[in-house]
């Protein structure tokens, strides 16, 4: 009976509430719509900032990136993860994740470590390349329900060169035995 009422709300209202079938069905459909809307808004929210972190980080190419994300104490023993979002800004696979413990997990250039005392975890990416730029999420996996996450935009700047092209210093005039200069060279 209950499943039938969900599939045929207009007939359910007419038989059980003696209402006009049009207004009863419309009223019932509106209630279902509102309940689903509230459910979806709650399910897609980040749970009242259950996970927080930087909105954007900039790192120089070739250096290391470190991102710290905090979480609510109730998620202390949950698995934490780092994932890269696709063009639709959705994460399908986790790049790296913990098992809920404080053990450091390392995989290729990435590492992740949870700190239960501070209610935070840190993701480190070494030898950053220009291809590492993009949208990422740091998050907490939930046993039931939708995971909690925070989005971070990673920007990578090109490495700054330490050499100057228009240098007036010649290697031939520099004497390694006299770094400050020894005066005029002897005349033969």
C-alpha atoms as a PDB file:
ATOM      1  CA  UNK A   1       0.000   0.000   0.000  1.00  0.00           C
ATOM      2  CA  UNK A   2       2.770   2.462   0.910  1.00  0.00           C
ATOM      3  CA  UNK A   3       4.770   1.901  -2.298  1.00  0.00           C
ATOM      4  CA  UNK A   4       1.565   2.147  -4.320  1.00  0.00           C
ATOM      5  CA  UNK A   5       0.834   5.538  -2.694  1.00  0.00           C
ATOM      6  CA  UNK A   6       4.278   6.806  -3.755  1.00  0.00           C
ATOM      7  CA  UNK A   7       3.746   5.663  -7.333  1.00  0.00           C
ATOM      8  CA  UNK A   8       0.126   6.906  -7.607  1.00  0.00           C
ATOM      9  CA  UNK A   9      -0.282   9.865  -5.245  1.00  0.00           C
ATOM     10  CA  UNK A  10      -3.318  11.294  -7.019  1.00  0.00           C
ATOM     11  CA  UNK A  11      -5.349   8.093  -6.496  1.00  0.00           C
ATOM     12  CA  UNK A  12      -4.121   7.801  -2.907  1.00  0.00           C
ATOM     13  CA  UNK A  13      -5.367  11.295  -2.104  1.00  0.00           C
ATOM     14  CA  UNK A  14      -8.746  10.810  -3.766  1.00  0.00           C
ATOM     15  CA  UNK A  15      -9.428   7.518  -1.958  1.00  0.00           C
ATOM     16  CA  UNK A  16      -8.007   8.443   1.441  1.00  0.00           C
ATOM     17  CA  UNK A  17      -8.563  12.171   1.776  1.00  0.00           C
ATOM     18  CA  UNK A  18     -11.679  12.769  -0.341  1.00  0.00           C
ATOM     19  CA  UNK A  19      -9.923  15.656  -2.061  1.00  0.00           C
ATOM     20  CA  UNK A  20     -10.222  16.810  -5.609  1.00  0.00           C
ATOM     21  CA  UNK A  21      -7.754  14.618  -7.533  1.00  0.00           C
ATOM     22  CA  UNK A  22      -6.062  17.539  -9.280  1.00  0.00           C
ATOM     23  CA  UNK A  23      -5.393  19.687  -6.229  1.00  0.00           C
ATOM     24  CA  UNK A  24      -4.564  16.670  -4.026  1.00  0.00           C
ATOM     25  CA  UNK A  25      -2.044  15.270  -6.472  1.00  0.00           C
ATOM     26  CA  UNK A  26      -0.508  18.693  -7.012  1.00  0.00           C
ATOM     27  CA  UNK A  27      -0.230  19.224  -3.265  1.00  0.00           C
ATOM     28  CA  UNK A  28       1.320  15.782  -2.756  1.00  0.00           C
ATOM     29  CA  UNK A  29       3.817  16.250  -5.600  1.00  0.00           C
ATOM     30  CA  UNK A  30       4.839  19.631  -4.199  1.00  0.00           C
ATOM     31  CA  UNK A  31       5.523  18.041  -0.805  1.00  0.00           C
ATOM     32  CA  UNK A  32       7.642  15.324  -2.380  1.00  0.00           C
ATOM     33  CA  UNK A  33       9.522  17.943  -4.395  1.00  0.00           C
ATOM     34  CA  UNK A  34      10.247  20.024  -1.285  1.00  0.00           C
ATOM     35  CA  UNK A  35      11.438  17.016   0.716  1.00  0.00           C
ATOM     36  CA  UNK A  36      13.777  15.914  -2.099  1.00  0.00           C
ATOM     37  CA  UNK A  37      15.069  19.451  -2.572  1.00  0.00           C
ATOM     38  CA  UNK A  38      15.899  19.755   1.119  1.00  0.00           C
ATOM     39  CA  UNK A  39      17.542  16.327   1.065  1.00  0.00           C
ATOM     40  CA  UNK A  40      19.714  17.202  -1.943  1.00  0.00           C
ATOM     41  CA  UNK A  41      20.757  20.566  -0.504  1.00  0.00           C
ATOM     42  CA  UNK A  42      21.772  18.872   2.745  1.00  0.00           C
ATOM     43  CA  UNK A  43      23.516  15.999   0.948  1.00  0.00           C
ATOM     44  CA  UNK A  44      25.597  18.224  -1.330  1.00  0.00           C
ATOM     45  CA  UNK A  45      26.618  20.753   1.306  1.00  0.00           C
ATOM     46  CA  UNK A  46      29.935  20.374   3.106  1.00  0.00           C
ATOM     47  CA  UNK A  47      28.115  19.714   6.360  1.00  0.00           C
ATOM     48  CA  UNK A  48      28.539  23.100   8.013  1.00  0.00           C
ATOM     49  CA  UNK A  49      32.227  23.344   7.198  1.00  0.00           C
ATOM     50  CA  UNK A  50      33.032  19.833   8.370  1.00  0.00           C
ATOM     51  CA  UNK A  51      36.309  20.152   6.435  1.00  0.00           C
ATOM     52  CA  UNK A  52      38.187  23.433   5.964  1.00  0.00           C
ATOM     53  CA  UNK A  53      41.383  24.451   4.210  1.00  0.00           C
ATOM     54  CA  UNK A  54      42.841  27.032   1.854  1.00  0.00           C
ATOM     55  CA  UNK A  55      40.725  28.113  -1.111  1.00  0.00           C
ATOM     56  CA  UNK A  56      43.807  28.657  -3.270  1.00  0.00           C
ATOM     57  CA  UNK A  57      47.519  27.927  -3.033  1.00  0.00           C
ATOM     58  CA  UNK A  58      50.325  28.974  -5.361  1.00  0.00           C
ATOM     59  CA  UNK A  59      53.541  27.006  -5.602  1.00  0.00           C
ATOM     60  CA  UNK A  60      56.636  27.413  -7.755  1.00  0.00           C
ATOM     61  CA  UNK A  61      57.394  24.722 -10.323  1.00  0.00           C
ATOM     62  CA  UNK A  62      59.957  22.226  -9.013  1.00  0.00           C
ATOM     63  CA  UNK A  63      59.317  22.971  -5.331  1.00  0.00           C
ATOM     64  CA  UNK A  64      57.040  21.161  -2.861  1.00  0.00           C
ATOM     65  CA  UNK A  65      53.395  21.880  -2.129  1.00  0.00           C
ATOM     66  CA  UNK A  66      51.964  21.391   1.360  1.00  0.00           C
ATOM     67  CA  UNK A  67      48.225  21.766   2.040  1.00  0.00           C
ATOM     68  CA  UNK A  68      46.701  21.404   5.509  1.00  0.00           C
ATOM     69  CA  UNK A  69      43.004  20.688   5.958  1.00  0.00           C
ATOM     70  CA  UNK A  70      41.122  20.669   9.264  1.00  0.00           C
ATOM     71  CA  UNK A  71      38.090  18.590  10.180  1.00  0.00           C
ATOM     72  CA  UNK A  72      35.524  18.370  12.969  1.00  0.00           C
ATOM     73  CA  UNK A  73      36.567  16.133  15.908  1.00  0.00           C
ATOM     74  CA  UNK A  74      33.807  13.582  15.172  1.00  0.00           C
ATOM     75  CA  UNK A  75      35.728  12.599  11.990  1.00  0.00           C
ATOM     76  CA  UNK A  76      38.970  11.857  13.838  1.00  0.00           C
ATOM     77  CA  UNK A  77      39.039   8.127  12.998  1.00  0.00           C
ATOM     78  CA  UNK A  78      37.647   8.430   9.477  1.00  0.00           C
ATOM     79  CA  UNK A  79      39.813   8.004   6.394  1.00  0.00           C
ATOM     80  CA  UNK A  80      41.096  11.307   4.930  1.00  0.00           C
ATOM     81  CA  UNK A  81      41.764  11.793   1.211  1.00  0.00           C
ATOM     82  CA  UNK A  82      43.127  14.103  -1.490  1.00  0.00           C
ATOM     83  CA  UNK A  83      41.663  13.968  -4.984  1.00  0.00           C
ATOM     84  CA  UNK A  84      41.854  15.908  -8.221  1.00  0.00           C
ATOM     85  CA  UNK A  85      38.580  17.130  -9.653  1.00  0.00           C
ATOM     86  CA  UNK A  86      37.672  16.584 -13.291  1.00  0.00           C
ATOM     87  CA  UNK A  87      36.233  19.209 -15.658  1.00  0.00           C
ATOM     88  CA  UNK A  88      32.826  18.880 -13.964  1.00  0.00           C
ATOM     89  CA  UNK A  89      34.499  19.623 -10.599  1.00  0.00           C
ATOM     90  CA  UNK A  90      33.756  16.131  -9.311  1.00  0.00           C
ATOM     91  CA  UNK A  91      36.203  13.662  -7.749  1.00  0.00           C
ATOM     92  CA  UNK A  92      35.898  10.114  -9.023  1.00  0.00           C
ATOM     93  CA  UNK A  93      39.141   8.645  -7.695  1.00  0.00           C
ATOM     94  CA  UNK A  94      41.206   9.498  -4.658  1.00  0.00           C
ATOM     95  CA  UNK A  95      44.855  10.186  -5.438  1.00  0.00           C
ATOM     96  CA  UNK A  96      45.929   9.306  -1.910  1.00  0.00           C
ATOM     97  CA  UNK A  97      44.139   8.486   1.349  1.00  0.00           C
ATOM     98  CA  UNK A  98      44.739   7.447   4.939  1.00  0.00           C
ATOM     99  CA  UNK A  99      43.215   4.467   6.693  1.00  0.00           C
ATOM    100  CA  UNK A 100      42.012   6.604   9.607  1.00  0.00           C
ATOM    101  CA  UNK A 101      45.250   6.261  11.577  1.00  0.00           C
ATOM    102  CA  UNK A 102      48.092   8.761  11.999  1.00  0.00           C
ATOM    103  CA  UNK A 103      50.486   6.744   9.844  1.00  0.00           C
ATOM    104  CA  UNK A 104      52.045   8.667   6.945  1.00  0.00           C
ATOM    105  CA  UNK A 105      50.983   7.247   3.593  1.00  0.00           C
ATOM    106  CA  UNK A 106      53.360   7.888   0.672  1.00  0.00           C
ATOM    107  CA  UNK A 107      52.692   7.200  -2.984  1.00  0.00           C
ATOM    108  CA  UNK A 108      54.969   8.484  -5.757  1.00  0.00           C
ATOM    109  CA  UNK A 109      55.383  12.247  -5.171  1.00  0.00           C
ATOM    110  CA  UNK A 110      52.470  12.474  -2.717  1.00  0.00           C
ATOM    111  CA  UNK A 111      52.203  11.902   1.014  1.00  0.00           C
ATOM    112  CA  UNK A 112      49.365  12.372   3.500  1.00  0.00           C
ATOM    113  CA  UNK A 113      49.455  12.358   7.290  1.00  0.00           C
ATOM    114  CA  UNK A 114      46.610  12.733   9.772  1.00  0.00           C
ATOM    115  CA  UNK A 115      47.069  14.442  13.145  1.00  0.00           C
ATOM    116  CA  UNK A 116      44.238  13.413  15.494  1.00  0.00           C
ATOM    117  CA  UNK A 117      45.328  15.831  18.227  1.00  0.00           C
ATOM    118  CA  UNK A 118      45.102  18.861  15.905  1.00  0.00           C
ATOM    119  CA  UNK A 119      42.093  17.493  13.956  1.00  0.00           C
ATOM    120  CA  UNK A 120      43.916  18.169  10.706  1.00  0.00           C
ATOM    121  CA  UNK A 121      45.762  16.353   7.966  1.00  0.00           C
ATOM    122  CA  UNK A 122      48.545  17.466   5.658  1.00  0.00           C
ATOM    123  CA  UNK A 123      49.045  16.581   1.997  1.00  0.00           C
ATOM    124  CA  UNK A 124      52.496  17.095   0.484  1.00  0.00           C
ATOM    125  CA  UNK A 125      53.340  16.973  -3.227  1.00  0.00           C
ATOM    126  CA  UNK A 126      57.038  17.094  -4.141  1.00  0.00           C
ATOM    127  CA  UNK A 127      58.632  18.220  -7.426  1.00  0.00           C
ATOM    128  CA  UNK A 128      55.569  20.142  -8.572  1.00  0.00           C
ATOM    129  CA  UNK A 129      55.076  20.447 -12.340  1.00  0.00           C
ATOM    130  CA  UNK A 130      52.919  22.835 -14.367  1.00  0.00           C
ATOM    131  CA  UNK A 131      50.560  19.913 -15.040  1.00  0.00           C
ATOM    132  CA  UNK A 132      49.806  19.672 -11.293  1.00  0.00           C
ATOM    133  CA  UNK A 133      47.785  22.914 -11.437  1.00  0.00           C
ATOM    134  CA  UNK A 134      44.035  22.421 -11.045  1.00  0.00           C
ATOM    135  CA  UNK A 135      41.120  21.931  -8.665  1.00  0.00           C
ATOM    136  CA  UNK A 136      41.559  19.485  -5.786  1.00  0.00           C
ATOM    137  CA  UNK A 137      39.577  18.369  -2.755  1.00  0.00           C
ATOM    138  CA  UNK A 138      40.752  17.395   0.677  1.00  0.00           C
ATOM    139  CA  UNK A 139      38.089  15.367   2.391  1.00  0.00           C
ATOM    140  CA  UNK A 140      36.830  12.930   4.976  1.00  0.00           C
ATOM    141  CA  UNK A 141      35.255   9.626   3.967  1.00  0.00           C
ATOM    142  CA  UNK A 142      32.080   8.817   5.847  1.00  0.00           C
ATOM    143  CA  UNK A 143      30.889   5.310   6.610  1.00  0.00           C
ATOM    144  CA  UNK A 144      27.309   6.251   5.795  1.00  0.00           C
ATOM    145  CA  UNK A 145      26.155   9.161   3.708  1.00  0.00           C
ATOM    146  CA  UNK A 146      28.023  11.575   1.540  1.00  0.00           C
ATOM    147  CA  UNK A 147      31.686  12.400   2.177  1.00  0.00           C
ATOM    148  CA  UNK A 148      32.683  15.815   3.504  1.00  0.00           C
ATOM    149  CA  UNK A 149      35.259  17.850   1.575  1.00  0.00           C
ATOM    150  CA  UNK A 150      36.849  21.213   0.922  1.00  0.00           C
ATOM    151  CA  UNK A 151      37.911  22.460  -2.520  1.00  0.00           C
ATOM    152  CA  UNK A 152      41.335  23.976  -3.110  1.00  0.00           C
ATOM    153  CA  UNK A 153      42.659  25.508  -6.320  1.00  0.00           C
ATOM    154  CA  UNK A 154      46.345  24.772  -6.902  1.00  0.00           C
ATOM    155  CA  UNK A 155      48.218  27.262  -9.084  1.00  0.00           C
ATOM    156  CA  UNK A 156      51.756  26.572 -10.280  1.00  0.00           C
ATOM    157  CA  UNK A 157      54.091  29.391 -11.275  1.00  0.00           C
ATOM    158  CA  UNK A 158      57.102  28.901 -13.509  1.00  0.00           C
ATOM    159  CA  UNK A 159      60.453  28.613 -11.779  1.00  0.00           C
ATOM    160  CA  UNK A 160      62.504  31.801 -11.587  1.00  0.00           C
ATOM    161  CA  UNK A 161      65.944  31.528 -13.174  1.00  0.00           C
ATOM    162  CA  UNK A 162      68.960  32.470 -11.031  1.00  0.00           C
ATOM    163  CA  UNK A 163      71.183  33.371 -13.987  1.00  0.00           C
ATOM    164  CA  UNK A 164      71.322  36.726 -15.705  1.00  0.00           C
ATOM    165  CA  UNK A 165      71.854  36.937 -19.415  1.00  0.00           C
ATOM    166  CA  UNK A 166      73.448  40.422 -19.516  1.00  0.00           C
ATOM    167  CA  UNK A 167      76.145  39.872 -16.945  1.00  0.00           C
ATOM    168  CA  UNK A 168      79.299  42.005 -17.203  1.00  0.00           C
ATOM    169  CA  UNK A 169      81.278  39.559 -15.113  1.00  0.00           C
ATOM    170  CA  UNK A 170      83.697  37.465 -17.084  1.00  0.00           C
ATOM    171  CA  UNK A 171      84.937  34.138 -15.810  1.00  0.00           C
ATOM    172  CA  UNK A 172      88.427  34.996 -17.125  1.00  0.00           C
ATOM    173  CA  UNK A 173      88.806  38.074 -14.933  1.00  0.00           C
ATOM    174  CA  UNK A 174      87.799  36.314 -11.733  1.00  0.00           C
ATOM    175  CA  UNK A 175      90.709  34.843  -9.800  1.00  0.00           C
ATOM    176  CA  UNK A 176      89.628  32.065  -7.417  1.00  0.00           C
ATOM    177  CA  UNK A 177      92.715  32.734  -5.257  1.00  0.00           C
ATOM    178  CA  UNK A 178      91.769  36.410  -4.839  1.00  0.00           C
ATOM    179  CA  UNK A 179      87.967  36.539  -4.513  1.00  0.00           C
ATOM    180  CA  UNK A 180      88.022  40.272  -3.509  1.00  0.00           C
ATOM    181  CA  UNK A 181      90.544  41.235  -6.135  1.00  0.00           C
ATOM    182  CA  UNK A 182      94.318  41.381  -5.817  1.00  0.00           C
ATOM    183  CA  UNK A 183      94.917  44.679  -7.533  1.00  0.00           C
ATOM    184  CA  UNK A 184      96.395  45.079 -10.972  1.00  0.00           C
ATOM    185  CA  UNK A 185      97.799  42.000 -12.643  1.00  0.00           C
ATOM    186  CA  UNK A 186     101.599  41.995 -12.893  1.00  0.00           C
ATOM    187  CA  UNK A 187     103.079  43.354 -16.100  1.00  0.00           C
ATOM    188  CA  UNK A 188     105.689  41.183 -17.761  1.00  0.00           C
END
